[in-house]
Amino acid sequence: MTVNSSETAAFEPARRIRAILPDDGSHRLLLEGLWRDKGVTRADTVPVRAVAALLEARTRRGRLPEPVLARLVTVIVSLAEADGVFDYIYATARVGRPGGGTVLMDRLSGATVYKLPPGLPEQ
C-alpha cells in the first residue's frame, strides 16, 4: 500500500459509543449493520466477563454473583453521527429487551478519520 505523504490524517472531535451485549450473536449483526447502514469503519468487539448490574443479583449471602460471557462493542464516530449511531445501536442490538445489555456514549478529545480505500471487496 502506498501512502501519499501530502495527505495528513485528520484529527477531529469524536464520540466513543460502547455497548455491553449478551453473547447471543447480536454483536455480529450490529457490526454488519453499522458498516452497511451507517458506513461506520471504526468499530470493534471483544469478549468480556460481565455481571448484570441492572438485574437483581441472586446469590448466597456474602458471595458475588457469577460473571457471564458478554461482548463489548466499541464504536468511534464523529460528533455529527453520534446521536444517530447511538440510537441505531440501541435499536439494532435490542438493548431495551430484558437482559439486552447497555449502551453508553462518552466524549473523546479527538480521533483520526479512517476511510477504507475504494474498490475493496466487502468481507
PDB file of N, CA and C in Angstrom:
ATOM      1  N   MET A   1       0.842  -1.170   0.000  1.00  0.00           N
ATOM      2  CA  MET A   1       0.000   0.000   0.000  1.00  0.00           C
ATOM      3  C   MET A   1       0.888   1.233   0.000  1.00  0.00           C
ATOM      4  N   THR A   2       0.621   2.147  -0.885  1.00  0.00           N
ATOM      5  CA  THR A   2       1.399   3.373  -0.994  1.00  0.00           C
ATOM      6  C   THR A   2       0.727   4.467  -0.193  1.00  0.00           C
ATOM      7  N   VAL A   3       1.511   5.182   0.585  1.00  0.00           N
ATOM      8  CA  VAL A   3       0.985   6.280   1.376  1.00  0.00           C
ATOM      9  C   VAL A   3       1.437   7.577   0.754  1.00  0.00           C
ATOM     10  N   ASN A   4       0.497   8.455   0.491  1.00  0.00           N
ATOM     11  CA  ASN A   4       0.801   9.760  -0.065  1.00  0.00           C
ATOM     12  C   ASN A   4       1.212  10.677   1.077  1.00  0.00           C
ATOM     13  N   SER A   5       2.444  11.138   1.088  1.00  0.00           N
ATOM     14  CA  SER A   5       2.947  11.953   2.192  1.00  0.00           C
ATOM     15  C   SER A   5       2.300  13.324   2.246  1.00  0.00           C
ATOM     16  N   SER A   6       1.641  13.769   1.167  1.00  0.00           N
ATOM     17  CA  SER A   6       0.995  15.077   1.189  1.00  0.00           C
ATOM     18  C   SER A   6      -0.344  15.021   1.933  1.00  0.00           C
ATOM     19  N   GLU A   7      -0.859  13.812   2.170  1.00  0.00           N
ATOM     20  CA  GLU A   7      -2.104  13.670   2.916  1.00  0.00           C
ATOM     21  C   GLU A   7      -1.780  13.486   4.395  1.00  0.00           C
ATOM     22  N   THR A   8      -2.452  14.231   5.230  1.00  0.00           N
ATOM     23  CA  THR A   8      -2.265  14.057   6.666  1.00  0.00           C
ATOM     24  C   THR A   8      -3.536  13.482   7.254  1.00  0.00           C
ATOM     25  N   ALA A   9      -3.377  12.745   8.321  1.00  0.00           N
ATOM     26  CA  ALA A   9      -4.534  12.169   8.989  1.00  0.00           C
ATOM     27  C   ALA A   9      -5.291  13.280   9.700  1.00  0.00           C
ATOM     28  N   ALA A  10      -6.565  13.395   9.397  1.00  0.00           N
ATOM     29  CA  ALA A  10      -7.396  14.422  10.027  1.00  0.00           C
ATOM     30  C   ALA A  10      -7.720  14.006  11.454  1.00  0.00           C
ATOM     31  N   PHE A  11      -7.597  14.929  12.371  1.00  0.00           N
ATOM     32  CA  PHE A  11      -7.906  14.693  13.781  1.00  0.00           C
ATOM     33  C   PHE A  11      -9.137  15.517  14.095  1.00  0.00           C
ATOM     34  N   GLU A  12     -10.225  14.845  14.484  1.00  0.00           N
ATOM     35  CA  GLU A  12     -11.488  15.544  14.706  1.00  0.00           C
ATOM     36  C   GLU A  12     -12.069  15.183  16.064  1.00  0.00           C
ATOM     37  N   PRO A  13     -12.844  16.088  16.656  1.00  0.00           N
ATOM     38  CA  PRO A  13     -13.564  15.727  17.887  1.00  0.00           C
ATOM     39  C   PRO A  13     -14.467  14.535  17.584  1.00  0.00           C
ATOM     40  N   ALA A  14     -14.618  13.647  18.551  1.00  0.00           N
ATOM     41  CA  ALA A  14     -15.361  12.416  18.294  1.00  0.00           C
ATOM     42  C   ALA A  14     -16.083  11.947  19.545  1.00  0.00           C
ATOM     43  N   ARG A  15     -16.925  10.954  19.358  1.00  0.00           N
ATOM     44  CA  ARG A  15     -17.616  10.291  20.457  1.00  0.00           C
ATOM     45  C   ARG A  15     -17.285   8.806  20.400  1.00  0.00           C
ATOM     46  N   ARG A  16     -17.178   8.199  21.583  1.00  0.00           N
ATOM     47  CA  ARG A  16     -16.992   6.750  21.691  1.00  0.00           C
ATOM     48  C   ARG A  16     -18.294   6.185  22.232  1.00  0.00           C
ATOM     49  N   ILE A  17     -18.841   5.220  21.523  1.00  0.00           N
ATOM     50  CA  ILE A  17     -20.064   4.536  21.965  1.00  0.00           C
ATOM     51  C   ILE A  17     -19.665   3.112  22.310  1.00  0.00           C
ATOM     52  N   ARG A  18     -20.017   2.690  23.517  1.00  0.00           N
ATOM     53  CA  ARG A  18     -19.721   1.328  23.950  1.00  0.00           C
ATOM     54  C   ARG A  18     -21.018   0.640  24.321  1.00  0.00           C
ATOM     55  N   ALA A  19     -21.142  -0.589  23.877  1.00  0.00           N
ATOM     56  CA  ALA A  19     -22.314  -1.400  24.210  1.00  0.00           C
ATOM     57  C   ALA A  19     -21.832  -2.708  24.810  1.00  0.00           C
ATOM     58  N   ILE A  20     -22.413  -3.066  25.937  1.00  0.00           N
ATOM     59  CA  ILE A  20     -22.166  -4.380  26.523  1.00  0.00           C
ATOM     60  C   ILE A  20     -23.397  -5.211  26.208  1.00  0.00           C
ATOM     61  N   LEU A  21     -23.195  -6.252  25.406  1.00  0.00           N
ATOM     62  CA  LEU A  21     -24.302  -7.050  24.882  1.00  0.00           C
ATOM     63  C   LEU A  21     -24.176  -8.495  25.331  1.00  0.00           C
ATOM     64  N   PRO A  22     -25.297  -9.197  25.432  1.00  0.00           N
ATOM     65  CA  PRO A  22     -25.214 -10.632  25.735  1.00  0.00           C
ATOM     66  C   PRO A  22     -24.489 -11.353  24.600  1.00  0.00           C
ATOM     67  N   ASP A  23     -23.864 -12.467  24.924  1.00  0.00           N
ATOM     68  CA  ASP A  23     -23.130 -13.239  23.923  1.00  0.00           C
ATOM     69  C   ASP A  23     -24.096 -14.137  23.153  1.00  0.00           C
ATOM     70  N   ASP A  24     -24.992 -13.507  22.398  1.00  0.00           N
ATOM     71  CA  ASP A  24     -26.016 -14.239  21.655  1.00  0.00           C
ATOM     72  C   ASP A  24     -25.964 -13.993  20.152  1.00  0.00           C
ATOM     73  N   GLY A  25     -24.867 -13.422  19.682  1.00  0.00           N
ATOM     74  CA  GLY A  25     -24.726 -13.139  18.253  1.00  0.00           C
ATOM     75  C   GLY A  25     -25.192 -11.757  17.847  1.00  0.00           C
ATOM     76  N   SER A  26     -25.810 -11.018  18.746  1.00  0.00           N
ATOM     77  CA  SER A  26     -26.308  -9.687  18.397  1.00  0.00           C
ATOM     78  C   SER A  26     -25.165  -8.749  18.030  1.00  0.00           C
ATOM     79  N   HIS A  27     -23.968  -8.979  18.552  1.00  0.00           N
ATOM     80  CA  HIS A  27     -22.829  -8.121  18.223  1.00  0.00           C
ATOM     81  C   HIS A  27     -22.444  -8.259  16.746  1.00  0.00           C
ATOM     82  N   ARG A  28     -22.549  -9.474  16.194  1.00  0.00           N
ATOM     83  CA  ARG A  28     -22.220  -9.672  14.774  1.00  0.00           C
ATOM     84  C   ARG A  28     -23.197  -8.927  13.874  1.00  0.00           C
ATOM     85  N   LEU A  29     -24.482  -9.064  14.180  1.00  0.00           N
ATOM     86  CA  LEU A  29     -25.495  -8.361  13.390  1.00  0.00           C
ATOM     87  C   LEU A  29     -25.317  -6.853  13.503  1.00  0.00           C
ATOM     88  N   LEU A  30     -24.961  -6.395  14.693  1.00  0.00           N
ATOM     89  CA  LEU A  30     -24.755  -4.963  14.902  1.00  0.00           C
ATOM     90  C   LEU A  30     -23.587  -4.450  14.075  1.00  0.00           C
ATOM     91  N   LEU A  31     -22.450  -5.130  14.115  1.00  0.00           N
ATOM     92  CA  LEU A  31     -21.283  -4.678  13.349  1.00  0.00           C
ATOM     93  C   LEU A  31     -21.555  -4.681  11.845  1.00  0.00           C
ATOM     94  N   GLU A  32     -22.228  -5.714  11.357  1.00  0.00           N
ATOM     95  CA  GLU A  32     -22.575  -5.752   9.931  1.00  0.00           C
ATOM     96  C   GLU A  32     -23.496  -4.599   9.564  1.00  0.00           C
ATOM     97  N   GLY A  33     -24.490  -4.337  10.418  1.00  0.00           N
ATOM     98  CA  GLY A  33     -25.423  -3.245  10.165  1.00  0.00           C
ATOM     99  C   GLY A  33     -24.767  -1.880  10.241  1.00  0.00           C
ATOM    100  N   LEU A  34     -23.859  -1.698  11.190  1.00  0.00           N
ATOM    101  CA  LEU A  34     -23.162  -0.414  11.300  1.00  0.00           C
ATOM    102  C   LEU A  34     -22.384  -0.111  10.026  1.00  0.00           C
ATOM    103  N   TRP A  35     -21.738  -1.121   9.470  1.00  0.00           N
ATOM    104  CA  TRP A  35     -20.990  -0.928   8.225  1.00  0.00           C
ATOM    105  C   TRP A  35     -21.944  -0.685   7.055  1.00  0.00           C
ATOM    106  N   ARG A  36     -22.946  -1.549   6.929  1.00  0.00           N
ATOM    107  CA  ARG A  36     -23.859  -1.492   5.787  1.00  0.00           C
ATOM    108  C   ARG A  36     -24.746  -0.249   5.816  1.00  0.00           C
ATOM    109  N   ASP A  37     -25.365   0.045   6.960  1.00  0.00           N
ATOM    110  CA  ASP A  37     -26.376   1.100   7.028  1.00  0.00           C
ATOM    111  C   ASP A  37     -25.832   2.475   7.409  1.00  0.00           C
ATOM    112  N   LYS A  38     -24.741   2.499   8.183  1.00  0.00           N
ATOM    113  CA  LYS A  38     -24.224   3.779   8.678  1.00  0.00           C
ATOM    114  C   LYS A  38     -22.831   4.105   8.161  1.00  0.00           C
ATOM    115  N   GLY A  39     -22.173   3.167   7.462  1.00  0.00           N
ATOM    116  CA  GLY A  39     -20.840   3.419   6.932  1.00  0.00           C
ATOM    117  C   GLY A  39     -19.765   3.530   8.008  1.00  0.00           C
ATOM    118  N   VAL A  40     -20.006   2.933   9.170  1.00  0.00           N
ATOM    119  CA  VAL A  40     -19.052   3.002  10.281  1.00  0.00           C
ATOM    120  C   VAL A  40     -17.866   2.084  10.001  1.00  0.00           C
ATOM    121  N   THR A  41     -16.659   2.640  10.060  1.00  0.00           N
ATOM    122  CA  THR A  41     -15.443   1.850   9.827  1.00  0.00           C
ATOM    123  C   THR A  41     -14.598   1.716  11.090  1.00  0.00           C
ATOM    124  N   ARG A  42     -14.943   2.432  12.148  1.00  0.00           N
ATOM    125  CA  ARG A  42     -14.161   2.371  13.387  1.00  0.00           C
ATOM    126  C   ARG A  42     -14.994   1.675  14.462  1.00  0.00           C
ATOM    127  N   ALA A  43     -14.985   0.345  14.428  1.00  0.00           N
ATOM    128  CA  ALA A  43     -15.761  -0.451  15.383  1.00  0.00           C
ATOM    129  C   ALA A  43     -14.997  -1.730  15.695  1.00  0.00           C
ATOM    130  N   ASP A  44     -15.214  -2.231  16.904  1.00  0.00           N
ATOM    131  CA  ASP A  44     -14.506  -3.427  17.349  1.00  0.00           C
ATOM    132  C   ASP A  44     -15.371  -4.141  18.380  1.00  0.00           C
ATOM    133  N   THR A  45     -15.137  -5.432  18.546  1.00  0.00           N
ATOM    134  CA  THR A  45     -15.822  -6.184  19.589  1.00  0.00           C
ATOM    135  C   THR A  45     -14.846  -7.161  20.229  1.00  0.00           C
ATOM    136  N   VAL A  46     -14.979  -7.333  21.534  1.00  0.00           N
ATOM    137  CA  VAL A  46     -14.153  -8.279  22.281  1.00  0.00           C
ATOM    138  C   VAL A  46     -15.028  -8.993  23.306  1.00  0.00           C
ATOM    139  N   PRO A  47     -14.669 -10.241  23.642  1.00  0.00           N
ATOM    140  CA  PRO A  47     -15.409 -10.930  24.699  1.00  0.00           C
ATOM    141  C   PRO A  47     -14.991 -10.382  26.067  1.00  0.00           C
ATOM    142  N   VAL A  48     -15.947 -10.266  26.979  1.00  0.00           N
ATOM    143  CA  VAL A  48     -15.677  -9.787  28.335  1.00  0.00           C
ATOM    144  C   VAL A  48     -16.463 -10.619  29.337  1.00  0.00           C
ATOM    145  N   ARG A  49     -16.010 -10.603  30.578  1.00  0.00           N
ATOM    146  CA  ARG A  49     -16.779 -11.190  31.676  1.00  0.00           C
ATOM    147  C   ARG A  49     -17.618 -10.073  32.262  1.00  0.00           C
ATOM    148  N   ALA A  50     -18.889 -10.331  32.478  1.00  0.00           N
ATOM    149  CA  ALA A  50     -19.787  -9.289  32.953  1.00  0.00           C
ATOM    150  C   ALA A  50     -20.686  -9.823  34.059  1.00  0.00           C
ATOM    151  N   VAL A  51     -21.103  -8.927  34.912  1.00  0.00           N
ATOM    152  CA  VAL A  51     -22.107  -9.216  35.925  1.00  0.00           C
ATOM    153  C   VAL A  51     -23.252  -8.262  35.644  1.00  0.00           C
ATOM    154  N   ALA A  52     -24.455  -8.780  35.559  1.00  0.00           N
ATOM    155  CA  ALA A  52     -25.614  -7.965  35.224  1.00  0.00           C
ATOM    156  C   ALA A  52     -25.865  -6.928  36.318  1.00  0.00           C
ATOM    157  N   ALA A  53     -25.528  -5.686  36.033  1.00  0.00           N
ATOM    158  CA  ALA A  53     -25.671  -4.615  37.022  1.00  0.00           C
ATOM    159  C   ALA A  53     -27.116  -4.133  37.136  1.00  0.00           C
ATOM    160  N   LEU A  54     -27.894  -4.349  36.093  1.00  0.00           N
ATOM    161  CA  LEU A  54     -29.252  -3.830  36.098  1.00  0.00           C
ATOM    162  C   LEU A  54     -30.288  -4.870  36.494  1.00  0.00           C
ATOM    163  N   LEU A  55     -29.861  -6.093  36.737  1.00  0.00           N
ATOM    164  CA  LEU A  55     -30.772  -7.150  37.146  1.00  0.00           C
ATOM    165  C   LEU A  55     -30.517  -7.492  38.599  1.00  0.00           C
ATOM    166  N   GLU A  56     -31.487  -8.068  39.239  1.00  0.00           N
ATOM    167  CA  GLU A  56     -31.322  -8.477  40.632  1.00  0.00           C
ATOM    168  C   GLU A  56     -30.309  -9.613  40.714  1.00  0.00           C
ATOM    169  N   ALA A  57     -29.334  -9.441  41.606  1.00  0.00           N
ATOM    170  CA  ALA A  57     -28.321 -10.479  41.804  1.00  0.00           C
ATOM    171  C   ALA A  57     -28.835 -11.474  42.834  1.00  0.00           C
ATOM    172  N   ARG A  58     -28.963 -12.721  42.436  1.00  0.00           N
ATOM    173  CA  ARG A  58     -29.450 -13.770  43.341  1.00  0.00           C
ATOM    174  C   ARG A  58     -28.280 -14.663  43.716  1.00  0.00           C
ATOM    175  N   THR A  59     -27.738 -14.407  44.882  1.00  0.00           N
ATOM    176  CA  THR A  59     -26.601 -15.192  45.356  1.00  0.00           C
ATOM    177  C   THR A  59     -26.780 -15.483  46.828  1.00  0.00           C
ATOM    178  N   ARG A  60     -25.957 -16.386  47.311  1.00  0.00           N
ATOM    179  CA  ARG A  60     -25.944 -16.640  48.744  1.00  0.00           C
ATOM    180  C   ARG A  60     -25.317 -15.439  49.430  1.00  0.00           C
ATOM    181  N   ARG A  61     -25.744 -15.192  50.621  1.00  0.00           N
ATOM    182  CA  ARG A  61     -25.262 -14.037  51.367  1.00  0.00           C
ATOM    183  C   ARG A  61     -23.728 -14.036  51.450  1.00  0.00           C
ATOM    184  N   GLY A  62     -23.153 -12.873  51.178  1.00  0.00           N
ATOM    185  CA  GLY A  62     -21.717 -12.722  51.257  1.00  0.00           C
ATOM    186  C   GLY A  62     -20.959 -13.176  50.025  1.00  0.00           C
ATOM    187  N   ARG A  63     -21.650 -13.576  48.971  1.00  0.00           N
ATOM    188  CA  ARG A  63     -20.980 -14.043  47.749  1.00  0.00           C
ATOM    189  C   ARG A  63     -21.322 -13.111  46.592  1.00  0.00           C
ATOM    190  N   LEU A  64     -20.390 -12.976  45.689  1.00  0.00           N
ATOM    191  CA  LEU A  64     -20.612 -12.168  44.496  1.00  0.00           C
ATOM    192  C   LEU A  64     -21.357 -12.987  43.453  1.00  0.00           C
ATOM    193  N   PRO A  65     -22.148 -12.327  42.596  1.00  0.00           N
ATOM    194  CA  PRO A  65     -22.808 -13.065  41.514  1.00  0.00           C
ATOM    195  C   PRO A  65     -21.781 -13.621  40.531  1.00  0.00           C
ATOM    196  N   GLU A  66     -22.114 -14.729  39.912  1.00  0.00           N
ATOM    197  CA  GLU A  66     -21.234 -15.347  38.923  1.00  0.00           C
ATOM    198  C   GLU A  66     -21.214 -14.496  37.647  1.00  0.00           C
ATOM    199  N   PRO A  67     -20.024 -14.226  37.107  1.00  0.00           N
ATOM    200  CA  PRO A  67     -19.966 -13.483  35.845  1.00  0.00           C
ATOM    201  C   PRO A  67     -20.414 -14.368  34.683  1.00  0.00           C
ATOM    202  N   VAL A  68     -20.873 -13.711  33.628  1.00  0.00           N
ATOM    203  CA  VAL A  68     -21.279 -14.405  32.408  1.00  0.00           C
ATOM    204  C   VAL A  68     -20.478 -13.829  31.246  1.00  0.00           C
ATOM    205  N   LEU A  69     -20.386 -14.585  30.162  1.00  0.00           N
ATOM    206  CA  LEU A  69     -19.709 -14.098  28.976  1.00  0.00           C
ATOM    207  C   LEU A  69     -20.601 -13.087  28.272  1.00  0.00           C
ATOM    208  N   ALA A  70     -20.019 -11.967  27.885  1.00  0.00           N
ATOM    209  CA  ALA A  70     -20.737 -10.923  27.164  1.00  0.00           C
ATOM    210  C   ALA A  70     -19.807 -10.401  26.071  1.00  0.00           C
ATOM    211  N   ARG A  71     -20.287  -9.455  25.289  1.00  0.00           N
ATOM    212  CA  ARG A  71     -19.489  -8.832  24.236  1.00  0.00           C
ATOM    213  C   ARG A  71     -19.464  -7.329  24.462  1.00  0.00           C
ATOM    214  N   LEU A  72     -18.282  -6.742  24.365  1.00  0.00           N
ATOM    215  CA  LEU A  72     -18.125  -5.289  24.422  1.00  0.00           C
ATOM    216  C   LEU A  72     -17.897  -4.806  23.000  1.00  0.00           C
ATOM    217  N   VAL A  73     -18.797  -3.968  22.527  1.00  0.00           N
ATOM    218  CA  VAL A  73     -18.676  -3.384  21.194  1.00  0.00           C
ATOM    219  C   VAL A  73     -18.292  -1.917  21.381  1.00  0.00           C
ATOM    220  N   THR A  74     -17.215  -1.493  20.722  1.00  0.00           N
ATOM    221  CA  THR A  74     -16.750  -0.114  20.802  1.00  0.00           C
ATOM    222  C   THR A  74     -16.802   0.500  19.412  1.00  0.00           C
ATOM    223  N   VAL A  75     -17.405   1.679  19.329  1.00  0.00           N
ATOM    224  CA  VAL A  75     -17.568   2.374  18.054  1.00  0.00           C
ATOM    225  C   VAL A  75     -17.088   3.810  18.238  1.00  0.00           C
ATOM    226  N   ILE A  76     -16.315   4.321  17.298  1.00  0.00           N
ATOM    227  CA  ILE A  76     -15.861   5.713  17.301  1.00  0.00           C
ATOM    228  C   ILE A  76     -16.550   6.416  16.129  1.00  0.00           C
ATOM    229  N   VAL A  77     -17.215   7.521  16.422  1.00  0.00           N
ATOM    230  CA  VAL A  77     -17.936   8.270  15.384  1.00  0.00           C
ATOM    231  C   VAL A  77     -17.696   9.767  15.556  1.00  0.00           C
ATOM    232  N   SER A  78     -17.959  10.513  14.501  1.00  0.00           N
ATOM    233  CA  SER A  78     -17.846  11.969  14.556  1.00  0.00           C
ATOM    234  C   SER A  78     -18.997  12.534  15.393  1.00  0.00           C
ATOM    235  N   LEU A  79     -18.860  13.795  15.774  1.00  0.00           N
ATOM    236  CA  LEU A  79     -19.917  14.446  16.549  1.00  0.00           C
ATOM    237  C   LEU A  79     -21.253  14.435  15.803  1.00  0.00           C
ATOM    238  N   ALA A  80     -21.200  14.670  14.500  1.00  0.00           N
ATOM    239  CA  ALA A  80     -22.428  14.737  13.703  1.00  0.00           C
ATOM    240  C   ALA A  80     -23.152  13.388  13.641  1.00  0.00           C
ATOM    241  N   GLU A  81     -22.417  12.288  13.672  1.00  0.00           N
ATOM    242  CA  GLU A  81     -23.020  10.956  13.570  1.00  0.00           C
ATOM    243  C   GLU A  81     -23.466  10.381  14.912  1.00  0.00           C
ATOM    244  N   ALA A  82     -22.968  10.911  16.007  1.00  0.00           N
ATOM    245  CA  ALA A  82     -23.064  10.267  17.313  1.00  0.00           C
ATOM    246  C   ALA A  82     -24.482   9.906  17.737  1.00  0.00           C
ATOM    247  N   ASP A  83     -25.399  10.847  17.729  1.00  0.00           N
ATOM    248  CA  ASP A  83     -26.754  10.556  18.212  1.00  0.00           C
ATOM    249  C   ASP A  83     -27.461   9.520  17.347  1.00  0.00           C
ATOM    250  N   GLY A  84     -27.317   9.636  16.034  1.00  0.00           N
ATOM    251  CA  GLY A  84     -27.953   8.678  15.139  1.00  0.00           C
ATOM    252  C   GLY A  84     -27.395   7.269  15.297  1.00  0.00           C
ATOM    253  N   VAL A  85     -26.081   7.159  15.451  1.00  0.00           N
ATOM    254  CA  VAL A  85     -25.458   5.838  15.620  1.00  0.00           C
ATOM    255  C   VAL A  85     -25.823   5.251  16.981  1.00  0.00           C
ATOM    256  N   PHE A  86     -25.882   6.083  18.019  1.00  0.00           N
ATOM    257  CA  PHE A  86     -26.282   5.617  19.346  1.00  0.00           C
ATOM    258  C   PHE A  86     -27.688   5.005  19.282  1.00  0.00           C
ATOM    259  N   ASP A  87     -28.628   5.727  18.674  1.00  0.00           N
ATOM    260  CA  ASP A  87     -29.995   5.215  18.542  1.00  0.00           C
ATOM    261  C   ASP A  87     -30.039   3.940  17.705  1.00  0.00           C
ATOM    262  N   TYR A  88     -29.228   3.884  16.646  1.00  0.00           N
ATOM    263  CA  TYR A  88     -29.171   2.703  15.788  1.00  0.00           C
ATOM    264  C   TYR A  88     -28.678   1.490  16.582  1.00  0.00           C
ATOM    265  N   ILE A  89     -27.630   1.683  17.385  1.00  0.00           N
ATOM    266  CA  ILE A  89     -27.093   0.585  18.196  1.00  0.00           C
ATOM    267  C   ILE A  89     -28.149   0.093  19.172  1.00  0.00           C
ATOM    268  N   TYR A  90     -28.830   1.018  19.836  1.00  0.00           N
ATOM    269  CA  TYR A  90     -29.858   0.641  20.811  1.00  0.00           C
ATOM    270  C   TYR A  90     -30.951  -0.204  20.147  1.00  0.00           C
ATOM    271  N   ALA A  91     -31.400   0.236  18.986  1.00  0.00           N
ATOM    272  CA  ALA A  91     -32.489  -0.472  18.303  1.00  0.00           C
ATOM    273  C   ALA A  91     -32.016  -1.789  17.681  1.00  0.00           C
ATOM    274  N   THR A  92     -30.898  -1.776  16.989  1.00  0.00           N
ATOM    275  CA  THR A  92     -30.427  -2.960  16.270  1.00  0.00           C
ATOM    276  C   THR A  92     -30.013  -4.083  17.221  1.00  0.00           C
ATOM    277  N   ALA A  93     -29.347  -3.734  18.316  1.00  0.00           N
ATOM    278  CA  ALA A  93     -28.899  -4.747  19.281  1.00  0.00           C
ATOM    279  C   ALA A  93     -30.011  -5.110  20.268  1.00  0.00           C
ATOM    280  N   ARG A  94     -31.148  -4.462  20.168  1.00  0.00           N
ATOM    281  CA  ARG A  94     -32.310  -4.713  21.041  1.00  0.00           C
ATOM    282  C   ARG A  94     -31.916  -4.594  22.520  1.00  0.00           C
ATOM    283  N   VAL A  95     -31.258  -3.498  22.837  1.00  0.00           N
ATOM    284  CA  VAL A  95     -30.779  -3.260  24.192  1.00  0.00           C
ATOM    285  C   VAL A  95     -31.941  -3.144  25.179  1.00  0.00           C
ATOM    286  N   GLY A  96     -33.097  -2.681  24.750  1.00  0.00           N
ATOM    287  CA  GLY A  96     -34.238  -2.493  25.640  1.00  0.00           C
ATOM    288  C   GLY A  96     -34.927  -3.768  26.102  1.00  0.00           C
ATOM    289  N   ARG A  97     -34.583  -4.911  25.535  1.00  0.00           N
ATOM    290  CA  ARG A  97     -35.200  -6.175  25.949  1.00  0.00           C
ATOM    291  C   ARG A  97     -34.631  -6.607  27.298  1.00  0.00           C
ATOM    292  N   PRO A  98     -35.323  -7.458  28.025  1.00  0.00           N
ATOM    293  CA  PRO A  98     -34.767  -7.953  29.296  1.00  0.00           C
ATOM    294  C   PRO A  98     -33.429  -8.655  29.066  1.00  0.00           C
ATOM    295  N   GLY A  99     -32.416  -8.244  29.820  1.00  0.00           N
ATOM    296  CA  GLY A  99     -31.086  -8.819  29.669  1.00  0.00           C
ATOM    297  C   GLY A  99     -30.376  -8.395  28.404  1.00  0.00           C
ATOM    298  N   GLY A 100     -30.871  -7.334  27.747  1.00  0.00           N
ATOM    299  CA  GLY A 100     -30.328  -6.900  26.463  1.00  0.00           C
ATOM    300  C   GLY A 100     -29.031  -6.137  26.524  1.00  0.00           C
ATOM    301  N   GLY A 101     -28.564  -5.813  27.720  1.00  0.00           N
ATOM    302  CA  GLY A 101     -27.286  -5.119  27.844  1.00  0.00           C
ATOM    303  C   GLY A 101     -27.461  -3.643  28.121  1.00  0.00           C
ATOM    304  N   THR A 102     -26.434  -2.900  27.776  1.00  0.00           N
ATOM    305  CA  THR A 102     -26.448  -1.453  27.997  1.00  0.00           C
ATOM    306  C   THR A 102     -25.607  -0.779  26.925  1.00  0.00           C
ATOM    307  N   VAL A 103     -25.874   0.487  26.694  1.00  0.00           N
ATOM    308  CA  VAL A 103     -25.101   1.261  25.720  1.00  0.00           C
ATOM    309  C   VAL A 103     -24.793   2.620  26.341  1.00  0.00           C
ATOM    310  N   LEU A 104     -23.540   3.074  26.169  1.00  0.00           N
ATOM    311  CA  LEU A 104     -23.106   4.352  26.734  1.00  0.00           C
ATOM    312  C   LEU A 104     -22.333   5.135  25.692  1.00  0.00           C
ATOM    313  N   MET A 105     -22.331   6.455  25.847  1.00  0.00           N
ATOM    314  CA  MET A 105     -21.570   7.299  24.935  1.00  0.00           C
ATOM    315  C   MET A 105     -20.769   8.291  25.766  1.00  0.00           C
ATOM    316  N   ASP A 106     -19.500   8.490  25.393  1.00  0.00           N
ATOM    317  CA  ASP A 106     -18.693   9.497  26.050  1.00  0.00           C
ATOM    318  C   ASP A 106     -17.900  10.288  25.024  1.00  0.00           C
ATOM    319  N   ARG A 107     -17.319  11.362  25.497  1.00  0.00           N
ATOM    320  CA  ARG A 107     -16.618  12.309  24.642  1.00  0.00           C
ATOM    321  C   ARG A 107     -15.142  11.924  24.528  1.00  0.00           C
ATOM    322  N   LEU A 108     -14.614  12.036  23.338  1.00  0.00           N
ATOM    323  CA  LEU A 108     -13.173  11.879  23.112  1.00  0.00           C
ATOM    324  C   LEU A 108     -12.625  13.243  22.721  1.00  0.00           C
ATOM    325  N   SER A 109     -11.397  13.520  23.096  1.00  0.00           N
ATOM    326  CA  SER A 109     -10.803  14.787  22.682  1.00  0.00           C
ATOM    327  C   SER A 109     -10.596  14.811  21.171  1.00  0.00           C
ATOM    328  N   GLY A 110     -10.448  13.638  20.596  1.00  0.00           N
ATOM    329  CA  GLY A 110     -10.322  13.565  19.152  1.00  0.00           C
ATOM    330  C   GLY A 110      -9.983  12.164  18.697  1.00  0.00           C
ATOM    331  N   ALA A 111     -10.141  11.937  17.426  1.00  0.00           N
ATOM    332  CA  ALA A 111      -9.814  10.661  16.804  1.00  0.00           C
ATOM    333  C   ALA A 111      -9.456  10.934  15.351  1.00  0.00           C
ATOM    334  N   THR A 112      -8.619  10.087  14.786  1.00  0.00           N
ATOM    335  CA  THR A 112      -8.268  10.266  13.375  1.00  0.00           C
ATOM    336  C   THR A 112      -9.371   9.700  12.505  1.00  0.00           C
ATOM    337  N   VAL A 113      -9.571  10.327  11.386  1.00  0.00           N
ATOM    338  CA  VAL A 113     -10.561   9.874  10.416  1.00  0.00           C
ATOM    339  C   VAL A 113     -10.006   8.626   9.741  1.00  0.00           C
ATOM    340  N   TYR A 114     -10.838   7.615   9.574  1.00  0.00           N
ATOM    341  CA  TYR A 114     -10.411   6.368   8.960  1.00  0.00           C
ATOM    342  C   TYR A 114     -11.363   6.031   7.827  1.00  0.00           C
ATOM    343  N   LYS A 115     -10.834   5.967   6.618  1.00  0.00           N
ATOM    344  CA  LYS A 115     -11.658   5.604   5.464  1.00  0.00           C
ATOM    345  C   LYS A 115     -10.974   4.459   4.734  1.00  0.00           C
ATOM    346  N   LEU A 116     -11.766   3.493   4.326  1.00  0.00           N
ATOM    347  CA  LEU A 116     -11.227   2.371   3.557  1.00  0.00           C
ATOM    348  C   LEU A 116     -10.990   2.797   2.113  1.00  0.00           C
ATOM    349  N   PRO A 117      -9.953   2.279   1.498  1.00  0.00           N
ATOM    350  CA  PRO A 117      -9.711   2.617   0.088  1.00  0.00           C
ATOM    351  C   PRO A 117     -10.863   2.113  -0.784  1.00  0.00           C
ATOM    352  N   PRO A 118     -11.175   2.817  -1.850  1.00  0.00           N
ATOM    353  CA  PRO A 118     -12.255   2.369  -2.733  1.00  0.00           C
ATOM    354  C   PRO A 118     -11.879   1.061  -3.438  1.00  0.00           C
ATOM    355  N   GLY A 119     -12.897   0.264  -3.752  1.00  0.00           N
ATOM    356  CA  GLY A 119     -12.692  -0.946  -4.525  1.00  0.00           C
ATOM    357  C   GLY A 119     -12.387  -2.191  -3.712  1.00  0.00           C
ATOM    358  N   LEU A 120     -12.402  -2.109  -2.391  1.00  0.00           N
ATOM    359  CA  LEU A 120     -12.158  -3.308  -1.590  1.00  0.00           C
ATOM    360  C   LEU A 120     -13.393  -4.202  -1.586  1.00  0.00           C
ATOM    361  N   PRO A 121     -13.202  -5.518  -1.603  1.00  0.00           N
ATOM    362  CA  PRO A 121     -14.376  -6.411  -1.517  1.00  0.00           C
ATOM    363  C   PRO A 121     -14.984  -6.333  -0.116  1.00  0.00           C
ATOM    364  N   GLU A 122     -16.311  -6.463  -0.034  1.00  0.00           N
ATOM    365  CA  GLU A 122     -16.982  -6.447   1.256  1.00  0.00           C
ATOM    366  C   GLU A 122     -16.800  -7.795   1.921  1.00  0.00           C
ATOM    367  N   GLN A 123     -16.168  -7.804   3.086  1.00  0.00           N
ATOM    368  CA  GLN A 123     -15.947  -9.037   3.841  1.00  0.00           C
ATOM    369  C   GLN A 123     -16.173  -8.764   5.291  1.00  0.00           C
TER     370      GLN A 123
END
